[in-house]
């Protein structure tokens, strides 16, 4: 389903078909394909700047905030432990970037995710355990650290 597209020394980032992002209608999926966006990594590359996001929104005749939301989910989905399964949940829990996720305490993220699960699904048992949430954060930290090293920071 997913395939590695890029890697840090110990973290292989995933690239999902655009159809795997949660919340995209079939029409939006088709429209993204018409814009040359078939995978999450392509979506990330084509929505890096505000100008790029606005161009896609104009082309698709949708609100720029939808394009921004999809870009955030695509970024979160590249983390192997998050993937397309939990990227939307993290977004709805208030996580707007991998860098932000890397700074958050696992217990707080877990509590917010649990709150979302109970509010939307009325099921606590669907919430991932704290150790899985901690894995999301660890991978986010690994990626942020690798990016900082690549830029010569630290």
C-alpha atoms as a PDB file:
ATOM      1  CA  UNK A   1       0.000   0.000   0.000  1.00  0.00           C
ATOM      2  CA  UNK A   2       2.696   2.506   0.972  1.00  0.00           C
ATOM      3  CA  UNK A   3       6.196   2.669  -0.325  1.00  0.00           C
ATOM      4  CA  UNK A   4       9.314   4.282   1.076  1.00  0.00           C
ATOM      5  CA  UNK A   5      10.134   7.485  -0.760  1.00  0.00           C
ATOM      6  CA  UNK A   6      12.779   9.231   1.258  1.00  0.00           C
ATOM      7  CA  UNK A   7      14.766   8.330   4.314  1.00  0.00           C
ATOM      8  CA  UNK A   8      16.751   9.581   7.247  1.00  0.00           C
ATOM      9  CA  UNK A   9      19.408   7.302   8.739  1.00  0.00           C
ATOM     10  CA  UNK A  10      16.821   5.212  10.593  1.00  0.00           C
ATOM     11  CA  UNK A  11      13.433   6.467   9.438  1.00  0.00           C
ATOM     12  CA  UNK A  12      11.897   5.603   6.093  1.00  0.00           C
ATOM     13  CA  UNK A  13       9.250   8.116   5.119  1.00  0.00           C
ATOM     14  CA  UNK A  14       6.151   6.859   3.367  1.00  0.00           C
ATOM     15  CA  UNK A  15       4.463   8.032   0.195  1.00  0.00           C
ATOM     16  CA  UNK A  16       0.759   7.177  -0.021  1.00  0.00           C
ATOM     17  CA  UNK A  17      -1.609   7.288  -2.975  1.00  0.00           C
ATOM     18  CA  UNK A  18      -3.658  10.480  -2.656  1.00  0.00           C
ATOM     19  CA  UNK A  19      -6.775   8.293  -2.304  1.00  0.00           C
ATOM     20  CA  UNK A  20      -5.462   7.151   1.088  1.00  0.00           C
ATOM     21  CA  UNK A  21      -5.730  10.607   2.664  1.00  0.00           C
ATOM     22  CA  UNK A  22      -8.856  10.736   4.826  1.00  0.00           C
ATOM     23  CA  UNK A  23     -11.657  13.136   4.025  1.00  0.00           C
ATOM     24  CA  UNK A  24     -10.946  13.708   0.334  1.00  0.00           C
ATOM     25  CA  UNK A  25     -13.989  13.237  -1.841  1.00  0.00           C
ATOM     26  CA  UNK A  26     -13.653  11.241  -5.036  1.00  0.00           C
ATOM     27  CA  UNK A  27     -14.053  14.512  -6.933  1.00  0.00           C
ATOM     28  CA  UNK A  28     -11.195  16.133  -5.001  1.00  0.00           C
ATOM     29  CA  UNK A  29      -9.017  13.065  -5.607  1.00  0.00           C
ATOM     30  CA  UNK A  30      -9.696  13.248  -9.344  1.00  0.00           C
ATOM     31  CA  UNK A  31      -9.079  16.996  -9.414  1.00  0.00           C
ATOM     32  CA  UNK A  32      -5.750  16.542  -7.626  1.00  0.00           C
ATOM     33  CA  UNK A  33      -4.790  13.905 -10.186  1.00  0.00           C
ATOM     34  CA  UNK A  34      -5.589  16.440 -12.937  1.00  0.00           C
ATOM     35  CA  UNK A  35      -3.151  18.823 -11.211  1.00  0.00           C
ATOM     36  CA  UNK A  36      -0.461  16.134 -11.338  1.00  0.00           C
ATOM     37  CA  UNK A  37      -0.842  15.183  -7.684  1.00  0.00           C
ATOM     38  CA  UNK A  38      -1.219  11.418  -7.265  1.00  0.00           C
ATOM     39  CA  UNK A  39       0.718  10.834  -4.033  1.00  0.00           C
ATOM     40  CA  UNK A  40       1.208  12.441  -0.652  1.00  0.00           C
ATOM     41  CA  UNK A  41       4.857  13.298  -1.373  1.00  0.00           C
ATOM     42  CA  UNK A  42       3.826  15.129  -4.549  1.00  0.00           C
ATOM     43  CA  UNK A  43       1.160  16.987  -2.565  1.00  0.00           C
ATOM     44  CA  UNK A  44       3.802  18.005  -0.014  1.00  0.00           C
ATOM     45  CA  UNK A  45       6.144  19.268  -2.746  1.00  0.00           C
ATOM     46  CA  UNK A  46       3.381  21.195  -4.525  1.00  0.00           C
ATOM     47  CA  UNK A  47       1.987  22.869  -1.374  1.00  0.00           C
ATOM     48  CA  UNK A  48       5.171  24.080   0.342  1.00  0.00           C
ATOM     49  CA  UNK A  49       4.436  27.784  -0.041  1.00  0.00           C
ATOM     50  CA  UNK A  50       1.352  29.922   0.466  1.00  0.00           C
ATOM     51  CA  UNK A  51       1.501  30.840  -3.204  1.00  0.00           C
ATOM     52  CA  UNK A  52       1.524  27.172  -4.308  1.00  0.00           C
ATOM     53  CA  UNK A  53      -1.393  26.421  -1.983  1.00  0.00           C
ATOM     54  CA  UNK A  54      -3.358  29.361  -3.375  1.00  0.00           C
ATOM     55  CA  UNK A  55      -2.648  28.293  -6.966  1.00  0.00           C
ATOM     56  CA  UNK A  56      -3.971  24.782  -6.336  1.00  0.00           C
ATOM     57  CA  UNK A  57      -7.010  26.148  -4.497  1.00  0.00           C
ATOM     58  CA  UNK A  58      -7.751  28.470  -7.410  1.00  0.00           C
ATOM     59  CA  UNK A  59      -7.266  25.679  -9.930  1.00  0.00           C
ATOM     60  CA  UNK A  60      -9.622  23.376  -8.007  1.00  0.00           C
ATOM     61  CA  UNK A  61     -12.025  26.211  -7.110  1.00  0.00           C
ATOM     62  CA  UNK A  62     -11.904  25.356  -3.413  1.00  0.00           C
ATOM     63  CA  UNK A  63     -10.890  27.147  -0.224  1.00  0.00           C
ATOM     64  CA  UNK A  64      -7.151  27.422   0.376  1.00  0.00           C
ATOM     65  CA  UNK A  65      -7.685  26.068   3.906  1.00  0.00           C
ATOM     66  CA  UNK A  66      -8.704  22.721   2.368  1.00  0.00           C
ATOM     67  CA  UNK A  67      -5.446  22.554   0.422  1.00  0.00           C
ATOM     68  CA  UNK A  68      -3.545  23.497   3.603  1.00  0.00           C
ATOM     69  CA  UNK A  69      -5.361  20.765   5.533  1.00  0.00           C
ATOM     70  CA  UNK A  70      -4.505  18.168   2.895  1.00  0.00           C
ATOM     71  CA  UNK A  71      -0.860  19.262   2.927  1.00  0.00           C
ATOM     72  CA  UNK A  72      -0.662  18.900   6.702  1.00  0.00           C
ATOM     73  CA  UNK A  73      -2.232  15.439   6.569  1.00  0.00           C
ATOM     74  CA  UNK A  74       0.194  14.411   3.810  1.00  0.00           C
ATOM     75  CA  UNK A  75       3.149  15.547   5.926  1.00  0.00           C
ATOM     76  CA  UNK A  76       1.911  13.688   8.999  1.00  0.00           C
ATOM     77  CA  UNK A  77       1.141  10.592   6.904  1.00  0.00           C
ATOM     78  CA  UNK A  78       4.785  10.294   5.839  1.00  0.00           C
ATOM     79  CA  UNK A  79       5.656   9.162   9.382  1.00  0.00           C
ATOM     80  CA  UNK A  80       5.486   5.344   9.313  1.00  0.00           C
ATOM     81  CA  UNK A  81       3.702   4.981  12.645  1.00  0.00           C
ATOM     82  CA  UNK A  82       1.125   7.654  11.736  1.00  0.00           C
ATOM     83  CA  UNK A  83       0.501   6.876   8.076  1.00  0.00           C
ATOM     84  CA  UNK A  84      -2.800   7.596   6.428  1.00  0.00           C
ATOM     85  CA  UNK A  85      -4.575   5.846   9.291  1.00  0.00           C
ATOM     86  CA  UNK A  86      -3.930   8.512  11.944  1.00  0.00           C
ATOM     87  CA  UNK A  87      -2.947  11.693  10.043  1.00  0.00           C
ATOM     88  CA  UNK A  88      -6.511  13.045  10.008  1.00  0.00           C
ATOM     89  CA  UNK A  89      -6.983  12.230  13.667  1.00  0.00           C
ATOM     90  CA  UNK A  90      -3.815  14.139  14.557  1.00  0.00           C
ATOM     91  CA  UNK A  91      -4.941  17.111  12.479  1.00  0.00           C
ATOM     92  CA  UNK A  92      -8.300  17.186  14.249  1.00  0.00           C
ATOM     93  CA  UNK A  93      -6.472  16.916  17.570  1.00  0.00           C
ATOM     94  CA  UNK A  94      -4.769  20.219  16.754  1.00  0.00           C
ATOM     95  CA  UNK A  95      -1.427  19.009  15.392  1.00  0.00           C
ATOM     96  CA  UNK A  96      -0.508  21.132  12.381  1.00  0.00           C
ATOM     97  CA  UNK A  97       3.019  19.964  11.574  1.00  0.00           C
ATOM     98  CA  UNK A  98       5.639  17.337  12.218  1.00  0.00           C
ATOM     99  CA  UNK A  99       7.741  19.969  13.988  1.00  0.00           C
ATOM    100  CA  UNK A 100       4.854  20.714  16.347  1.00  0.00           C
ATOM    101  CA  UNK A 101       4.242  17.008  16.987  1.00  0.00           C
ATOM    102  CA  UNK A 102       7.921  16.605  17.893  1.00  0.00           C
ATOM    103  CA  UNK A 103       7.532  19.100  20.756  1.00  0.00           C
ATOM    104  CA  UNK A 104       4.384  17.701  22.346  1.00  0.00           C
ATOM    105  CA  UNK A 105       4.181  15.353  25.335  1.00  0.00           C
ATOM    106  CA  UNK A 106       2.725  11.941  24.479  1.00  0.00           C
ATOM    107  CA  UNK A 107       0.201  12.007  27.329  1.00  0.00           C
ATOM    108  CA  UNK A 108      -1.256  15.313  26.113  1.00  0.00           C
ATOM    109  CA  UNK A 109      -1.531  14.160  22.493  1.00  0.00           C
ATOM    110  CA  UNK A 110      -3.061  10.874  23.615  1.00  0.00           C
ATOM    111  CA  UNK A 111      -5.636  12.672  25.742  1.00  0.00           C
ATOM    112  CA  UNK A 112      -6.600  14.962  22.853  1.00  0.00           C
ATOM    113  CA  UNK A 113      -6.811  12.028  20.407  1.00  0.00           C
ATOM    114  CA  UNK A 114      -8.956  10.107  22.895  1.00  0.00           C
ATOM    115  CA  UNK A 115     -11.235  13.121  23.273  1.00  0.00           C
ATOM    116  CA  UNK A 116     -11.675  13.285  19.469  1.00  0.00           C
ATOM    117  CA  UNK A 117     -12.340   9.530  19.214  1.00  0.00           C
ATOM    118  CA  UNK A 118     -14.971   9.612  21.925  1.00  0.00           C
ATOM    119  CA  UNK A 119     -16.622  12.747  20.521  1.00  0.00           C
ATOM    120  CA  UNK A 120     -16.790  11.494  16.933  1.00  0.00           C
ATOM    121  CA  UNK A 121     -17.005   7.716  17.241  1.00  0.00           C
ATOM    122  CA  UNK A 122     -18.293   7.329  20.811  1.00  0.00           C
ATOM    123  CA  UNK A 123     -15.626   4.619  21.229  1.00  0.00           C
ATOM    124  CA  UNK A 124     -12.623   4.775  23.532  1.00  0.00           C
ATOM    125  CA  UNK A 125     -11.333   1.422  22.301  1.00  0.00           C
ATOM    126  CA  UNK A 126     -10.460   2.857  18.863  1.00  0.00           C
ATOM    127  CA  UNK A 127      -7.933   5.253  20.355  1.00  0.00           C
ATOM    128  CA  UNK A 128      -4.318   4.190  19.866  1.00  0.00           C
ATOM    129  CA  UNK A 129      -2.458   3.448  23.116  1.00  0.00           C
ATOM    130  CA  UNK A 130      -0.082   5.994  24.673  1.00  0.00           C
ATOM    131  CA  UNK A 131       2.985   4.002  23.591  1.00  0.00           C
ATOM    132  CA  UNK A 132       1.867   4.255  19.955  1.00  0.00           C
ATOM    133  CA  UNK A 133       1.365   8.009  20.320  1.00  0.00           C
ATOM    134  CA  UNK A 134       4.849   8.192  21.854  1.00  0.00           C
ATOM    135  CA  UNK A 135       6.182   6.399  18.747  1.00  0.00           C
ATOM    136  CA  UNK A 136       4.578   9.114  16.543  1.00  0.00           C
ATOM    137  CA  UNK A 137       6.372  11.769  18.550  1.00  0.00           C
ATOM    138  CA  UNK A 138       9.687   9.882  18.491  1.00  0.00           C
ATOM    139  CA  UNK A 139       9.536   9.568  14.703  1.00  0.00           C
ATOM    140  CA  UNK A 140       8.659  13.257  14.392  1.00  0.00           C
ATOM    141  CA  UNK A 141      11.693  14.124  16.529  1.00  0.00           C
ATOM    142  CA  UNK A 142      13.932  11.879  14.430  1.00  0.00           C
ATOM    143  CA  UNK A 143      12.755  13.586  11.253  1.00  0.00           C
ATOM    144  CA  UNK A 144      13.121  17.113  12.661  1.00  0.00           C
ATOM    145  CA  UNK A 145      16.631  16.279  13.930  1.00  0.00           C
ATOM    146  CA  UNK A 146      17.631  14.806  10.558  1.00  0.00           C
ATOM    147  CA  UNK A 147      16.306  17.909   8.762  1.00  0.00           C
ATOM    148  CA  UNK A 148      18.226  20.185  11.122  1.00  0.00           C
ATOM    149  CA  UNK A 149      21.413  18.192  10.541  1.00  0.00           C
ATOM    150  CA  UNK A 150      20.915  18.370   6.783  1.00  0.00           C
ATOM    151  CA  UNK A 151      20.642  22.175   7.049  1.00  0.00           C
ATOM    152  CA  UNK A 152      23.748  22.328   9.240  1.00  0.00           C
ATOM    153  CA  UNK A 153      21.835  23.401  12.378  1.00  0.00           C
ATOM    154  CA  UNK A 154      22.404  22.189  15.939  1.00  0.00           C
END
